[in-house]
N, C-alpha and C. Protein backbone atom coordinates (compact mmCIF):
# COMPACT_ATOMS: atom_id res chain seq x y z
N UNK A 1 45.52 48.04 39.84
CA UNK A 1 45.01 47.22 40.92
C UNK A 1 46.17 46.58 41.68
N UNK A 2 47.28 46.28 40.98
CA UNK A 2 48.44 45.69 41.63
C UNK A 2 49.00 46.66 42.65
N UNK A 3 49.43 46.14 43.80
CA UNK A 3 49.95 47.00 44.85
C UNK A 3 48.86 47.53 45.76
N UNK A 4 47.60 47.29 45.40
CA UNK A 4 46.48 47.78 46.20
C UNK A 4 45.85 46.64 47.00
N UNK A 5 46.65 45.67 47.39
CA UNK A 5 46.14 44.48 48.06
C UNK A 5 45.27 44.83 49.26
N UNK A 6 45.67 45.83 50.04
CA UNK A 6 44.96 46.17 51.25
C UNK A 6 44.24 47.50 51.14
N UNK A 7 43.97 47.96 49.92
CA UNK A 7 43.35 49.28 49.75
C UNK A 7 41.89 49.29 50.16
N UNK A 8 41.23 48.15 50.22
CA UNK A 8 39.81 48.12 50.55
C UNK A 8 39.54 47.92 52.02
N UNK A 9 40.54 48.15 52.89
CA UNK A 9 40.37 47.89 54.30
C UNK A 9 40.00 49.12 55.11
N UNK A 10 39.48 50.14 54.47
CA UNK A 10 39.01 51.31 55.21
C UNK A 10 40.12 52.17 55.75
N UNK A 11 40.15 52.35 57.06
CA UNK A 11 41.09 53.25 57.69
C UNK A 11 42.44 52.61 58.01
N UNK A 12 42.72 51.42 57.50
CA UNK A 12 44.00 50.79 57.75
C UNK A 12 45.07 51.60 57.04
N UNK A 13 46.14 51.96 57.76
CA UNK A 13 47.20 52.74 57.12
C UNK A 13 47.80 51.98 55.94
N UNK A 14 48.29 52.72 54.93
CA UNK A 14 48.91 52.10 53.77
C UNK A 14 50.16 51.35 54.20
N UNK A 15 50.36 50.18 53.65
CA UNK A 15 51.52 49.38 53.97
C UNK A 15 52.62 49.67 52.97
N UNK A 16 53.86 49.68 53.44
CA UNK A 16 54.95 49.97 52.52
C UNK A 16 55.23 48.77 51.62
N UNK A 17 55.99 49.02 50.56
CA UNK A 17 56.24 48.00 49.55
C UNK A 17 56.93 46.77 50.08
N UNK A 18 57.86 46.93 51.02
CA UNK A 18 58.59 45.79 51.56
C UNK A 18 57.64 44.84 52.30
N UNK A 19 56.73 45.41 53.07
CA UNK A 19 55.76 44.59 53.81
C UNK A 19 54.84 43.86 52.83
N UNK A 20 54.38 44.57 51.81
CA UNK A 20 53.51 43.94 50.82
C UNK A 20 54.23 42.82 50.09
N UNK A 21 55.52 43.01 49.78
CA UNK A 21 56.29 41.96 49.12
C UNK A 21 56.40 40.72 50.01
N UNK A 22 56.59 40.95 51.31
CA UNK A 22 56.68 39.84 52.26
C UNK A 22 55.35 39.08 52.30
N UNK A 23 54.24 39.82 52.37
CA UNK A 23 52.93 39.18 52.37
C UNK A 23 52.70 38.41 51.08
N UNK A 24 53.04 39.04 49.96
CA UNK A 24 52.83 38.38 48.67
C UNK A 24 53.65 37.10 48.58
N UNK A 25 54.88 37.15 49.04
CA UNK A 25 55.74 35.96 49.02
C UNK A 25 55.11 34.84 49.85
N UNK A 26 54.60 35.19 51.02
CA UNK A 26 53.97 34.18 51.87
C UNK A 26 52.71 33.61 51.23
N UNK A 27 51.91 34.46 50.63
CA UNK A 27 50.69 33.98 49.96
C UNK A 27 51.02 33.08 48.79
N UNK A 28 52.10 33.38 48.07
CA UNK A 28 52.53 32.52 46.96
C UNK A 28 52.96 31.16 47.50
N UNK A 29 53.71 31.17 48.62
CA UNK A 29 54.11 29.91 49.24
C UNK A 29 52.89 29.08 49.64
N UNK A 30 51.92 29.73 50.27
CA UNK A 30 50.70 29.03 50.68
C UNK A 30 49.99 28.45 49.47
N UNK A 31 49.85 29.25 48.41
CA UNK A 31 49.14 28.78 47.22
C UNK A 31 49.86 27.60 46.59
N UNK A 32 51.19 27.64 46.57
CA UNK A 32 51.97 26.54 46.01
C UNK A 32 51.72 25.25 46.80
N UNK A 33 51.72 25.35 48.12
CA UNK A 33 51.46 24.18 48.96
C UNK A 33 50.04 23.67 48.75
N UNK A 34 49.07 24.58 48.65
CA UNK A 34 47.68 24.16 48.43
C UNK A 34 47.53 23.47 47.07
N UNK A 35 48.25 23.95 46.06
CA UNK A 35 48.23 23.29 44.75
C UNK A 35 48.81 21.88 44.85
N UNK A 36 49.91 21.73 45.61
CA UNK A 36 50.50 20.40 45.83
C UNK A 36 49.50 19.49 46.54
N UNK A 37 48.80 20.06 47.52
CA UNK A 37 47.81 19.27 48.26
C UNK A 37 46.69 18.77 47.35
N UNK A 38 46.27 19.61 46.42
CA UNK A 38 45.22 19.19 45.49
C UNK A 38 45.69 17.97 44.69
N UNK A 39 46.95 18.01 44.23
CA UNK A 39 47.50 16.88 43.47
C UNK A 39 47.61 15.63 44.36
N UNK A 40 48.06 15.84 45.60
CA UNK A 40 48.17 14.71 46.52
C UNK A 40 46.80 14.08 46.78
N UNK A 41 45.81 14.90 47.01
CA UNK A 41 44.46 14.40 47.27
C UNK A 41 43.92 13.63 46.07
N UNK A 42 44.17 14.14 44.87
CA UNK A 42 43.73 13.42 43.66
C UNK A 42 44.40 12.05 43.58
N UNK A 43 45.72 12.01 43.85
CA UNK A 43 46.43 10.73 43.79
C UNK A 43 45.95 9.77 44.89
N UNK A 44 45.72 10.31 46.08
CA UNK A 44 45.20 9.48 47.18
C UNK A 44 43.85 8.88 46.80
N UNK A 45 42.97 9.70 46.22
CA UNK A 45 41.66 9.20 45.80
C UNK A 45 41.77 8.13 44.72
N UNK A 46 42.64 8.35 43.75
CA UNK A 46 42.83 7.35 42.69
C UNK A 46 43.35 6.04 43.26
N UNK A 47 44.32 6.15 44.16
CA UNK A 47 44.87 4.94 44.78
C UNK A 47 43.80 4.20 45.58
N UNK A 48 42.99 4.96 46.30
CA UNK A 48 41.93 4.35 47.10
C UNK A 48 40.91 3.63 46.21
N UNK A 49 40.53 4.29 45.13
CA UNK A 49 39.54 3.69 44.22
C UNK A 49 40.08 2.46 43.52
N UNK A 50 41.39 2.42 43.29
CA UNK A 50 41.98 1.27 42.58
C UNK A 50 41.96 0.00 43.43
N UNK A 51 42.01 0.17 44.75
CA UNK A 51 42.01 -0.95 45.71
C UNK A 51 43.18 -1.90 45.50
N UNK A 52 44.22 -1.42 44.81
CA UNK A 52 45.43 -2.22 44.61
C UNK A 52 46.28 -2.07 45.88
N UNK A 53 46.68 -3.20 46.48
CA UNK A 53 47.41 -3.13 47.76
C UNK A 53 48.63 -2.19 47.75
N UNK A 54 49.42 -2.21 46.69
CA UNK A 54 50.59 -1.33 46.63
C UNK A 54 50.17 0.14 46.63
N UNK A 55 49.11 0.45 45.91
CA UNK A 55 48.61 1.83 45.86
C UNK A 55 48.06 2.27 47.23
N UNK A 56 47.37 1.35 47.89
CA UNK A 56 46.84 1.67 49.22
C UNK A 56 47.97 1.88 50.21
N UNK A 57 49.03 1.09 50.09
CA UNK A 57 50.20 1.27 50.96
C UNK A 57 50.88 2.61 50.68
N UNK A 58 50.93 2.99 49.43
CA UNK A 58 51.54 4.27 49.05
C UNK A 58 50.76 5.44 49.67
N UNK A 59 49.46 5.27 49.85
CA UNK A 59 48.63 6.33 50.44
C UNK A 59 49.09 6.74 51.83
N UNK A 60 49.68 5.80 52.57
CA UNK A 60 50.16 6.13 53.92
C UNK A 60 51.17 7.28 53.84
N UNK A 61 52.13 7.16 52.95
CA UNK A 61 53.15 8.21 52.78
C UNK A 61 52.55 9.49 52.22
N UNK A 62 51.61 9.34 51.27
CA UNK A 62 50.98 10.53 50.69
C UNK A 62 50.16 11.30 51.72
N UNK A 63 49.48 10.56 52.59
CA UNK A 63 48.67 11.21 53.63
C UNK A 63 49.59 11.92 54.64
N UNK A 64 50.74 11.31 54.95
CA UNK A 64 51.70 11.96 55.84
C UNK A 64 52.22 13.26 55.21
N UNK A 65 52.51 13.20 53.92
CA UNK A 65 52.98 14.40 53.21
C UNK A 65 51.89 15.48 53.22
N UNK A 66 50.66 15.07 52.98
CA UNK A 66 49.53 16.00 53.01
C UNK A 66 49.40 16.65 54.39
N UNK A 67 49.52 15.85 55.43
CA UNK A 67 49.43 16.36 56.79
C UNK A 67 50.56 17.37 57.07
N UNK A 68 51.78 17.05 56.63
CA UNK A 68 52.90 17.98 56.81
C UNK A 68 52.66 19.29 56.07
N UNK A 69 52.11 19.18 54.87
CA UNK A 69 51.81 20.39 54.09
C UNK A 69 50.77 21.26 54.79
N UNK A 70 49.77 20.63 55.37
CA UNK A 70 48.74 21.39 56.09
C UNK A 70 49.38 22.11 57.28
N UNK A 71 50.28 21.44 57.98
CA UNK A 71 50.98 22.08 59.10
C UNK A 71 51.81 23.27 58.62
N UNK A 72 52.44 23.14 57.47
CA UNK A 72 53.22 24.25 56.92
C UNK A 72 52.33 25.44 56.59
N UNK A 73 51.14 25.17 56.03
CA UNK A 73 50.20 26.25 55.70
C UNK A 73 49.75 26.96 56.98
N UNK A 74 49.44 26.19 58.02
CA UNK A 74 49.03 26.78 59.29
C UNK A 74 50.15 27.67 59.83
N UNK A 75 51.37 27.19 59.77
CA UNK A 75 52.52 27.97 60.25
C UNK A 75 52.69 29.25 59.44
N UNK A 76 52.57 29.15 58.13
CA UNK A 76 52.70 30.35 57.27
C UNK A 76 51.62 31.37 57.59
N UNK A 77 50.38 30.92 57.78
CA UNK A 77 49.30 31.84 58.13
C UNK A 77 49.51 32.47 59.50
N UNK A 78 50.04 31.69 60.45
CA UNK A 78 50.34 32.26 61.77
C UNK A 78 51.41 33.34 61.65
N UNK A 79 52.44 33.07 60.86
CA UNK A 79 53.49 34.07 60.64
C UNK A 79 52.92 35.31 59.96
N UNK A 80 52.06 35.11 58.97
CA UNK A 80 51.43 36.24 58.29
C UNK A 80 50.61 37.07 59.25
N UNK A 81 49.86 36.42 60.09
CA UNK A 81 49.03 37.13 61.07
C UNK A 81 49.90 37.96 62.00
N UNK A 82 50.96 37.36 62.49
CA UNK A 82 51.86 38.06 63.39
C UNK A 82 52.53 39.24 62.69
N UNK A 83 53.00 39.02 61.47
CA UNK A 83 53.64 40.10 60.71
C UNK A 83 52.66 41.23 60.44
N UNK A 84 51.43 40.88 60.10
CA UNK A 84 50.43 41.90 59.82
C UNK A 84 50.14 42.73 61.07
N UNK A 85 49.99 42.05 62.19
CA UNK A 85 49.73 42.75 63.45
C UNK A 85 50.88 43.69 63.79
N UNK A 86 52.11 43.21 63.66
CA UNK A 86 53.28 44.05 63.95
C UNK A 86 53.35 45.24 63.01
N UNK A 87 53.04 45.03 61.73
CA UNK A 87 53.10 46.14 60.77
C UNK A 87 52.01 47.17 61.07
N UNK A 88 50.84 46.71 61.50
CA UNK A 88 49.77 47.65 61.85
C UNK A 88 50.13 48.44 63.11
N UNK A 89 50.74 47.75 64.08
CA UNK A 89 51.17 48.44 65.29
C UNK A 89 52.25 49.47 64.96
N UNK A 90 53.19 49.10 64.11
CA UNK A 90 54.26 50.01 63.74
C UNK A 90 53.73 51.20 62.96
N UNK A 91 52.78 50.96 62.05
CA UNK A 91 52.24 52.07 61.25
C UNK A 91 51.37 52.99 62.08
N UNK A 92 50.75 52.46 63.14
CA UNK A 92 49.90 53.31 63.97
C UNK A 92 50.74 54.19 64.91
N UNK A 93 52.00 53.84 65.12
CA UNK A 93 52.85 54.66 65.97
C UNK A 93 53.10 56.04 65.38
N UNK A 94 52.90 56.18 64.08
CA UNK A 94 53.05 57.47 63.44
C UNK A 94 51.90 58.42 63.71
N UNK A 95 50.83 57.92 64.33
CA UNK A 95 49.65 58.73 64.66
C UNK A 95 49.93 59.49 65.94
N UNK A 96 50.08 60.80 65.89
CA UNK A 96 50.47 61.60 67.06
C UNK A 96 49.33 61.86 68.02
N UNK A 97 48.12 61.44 67.68
CA UNK A 97 46.97 61.73 68.55
C UNK A 97 46.93 60.82 69.77
N UNK A 98 47.72 59.72 69.75
CA UNK A 98 47.70 58.79 70.87
C UNK A 98 46.53 57.83 70.81
N UNK A 99 45.76 57.88 69.72
CA UNK A 99 44.59 57.03 69.57
C UNK A 99 44.74 56.26 68.26
N UNK A 100 44.53 54.98 68.31
CA UNK A 100 44.54 54.16 67.11
C UNK A 100 43.14 54.10 66.56
N UNK A 101 42.97 54.53 65.32
CA UNK A 101 41.66 54.47 64.68
C UNK A 101 41.64 53.26 63.75
N UNK A 102 40.65 52.43 63.91
CA UNK A 102 40.54 51.24 63.08
C UNK A 102 39.07 50.96 62.85
N UNK A 103 38.63 51.14 61.63
CA UNK A 103 37.25 50.82 61.28
C UNK A 103 36.25 51.65 62.05
N UNK A 104 36.61 52.87 62.42
CA UNK A 104 35.68 53.72 63.13
C UNK A 104 35.72 53.55 64.64
N UNK A 105 36.44 52.53 65.13
CA UNK A 105 36.57 52.31 66.56
C UNK A 105 37.84 52.98 67.04
N UNK A 106 37.87 53.40 68.30
CA UNK A 106 39.05 54.02 68.87
C UNK A 106 39.43 53.26 70.13
N UNK A 107 40.74 53.13 70.33
CA UNK A 107 41.21 52.57 71.59
C UNK A 107 42.45 53.32 72.00
N UNK A 108 42.59 53.47 73.28
CA UNK A 108 43.75 54.17 73.80
C UNK A 108 44.96 53.25 73.72
N UNK A 109 46.09 53.82 73.36
CA UNK A 109 47.32 53.05 73.34
C UNK A 109 47.81 52.87 74.77
N UNK A 110 48.40 51.71 75.05
CA UNK A 110 48.97 51.50 76.37
C UNK A 110 50.15 52.45 76.59
N UNK A 111 50.34 52.89 77.82
CA UNK A 111 51.43 53.83 78.14
C UNK A 111 52.71 53.10 78.36
């Protein structure tokens, strides 16, 4: 099953190992940030429930960190989307018919 990350996408051309490694690295980064966010949210909730002034003040910094992490995740997903699109465009250039086939749909390539 490993290495078959995109095998269930129908007519999408197979991606080479380097591209898959790049995607996997990005997904690991995203998951790491999301795990950090879960911990931050738990701490923010505990601080809020405690109603201790110092803990509530600490939440300001924790919420800023959470917001920065969310921005990083958005950026990573945007990069992933762009990389995926470029890799699909590059892999479709090997199709000598001049037509890109994707999910049963056809579109003419720009000249």
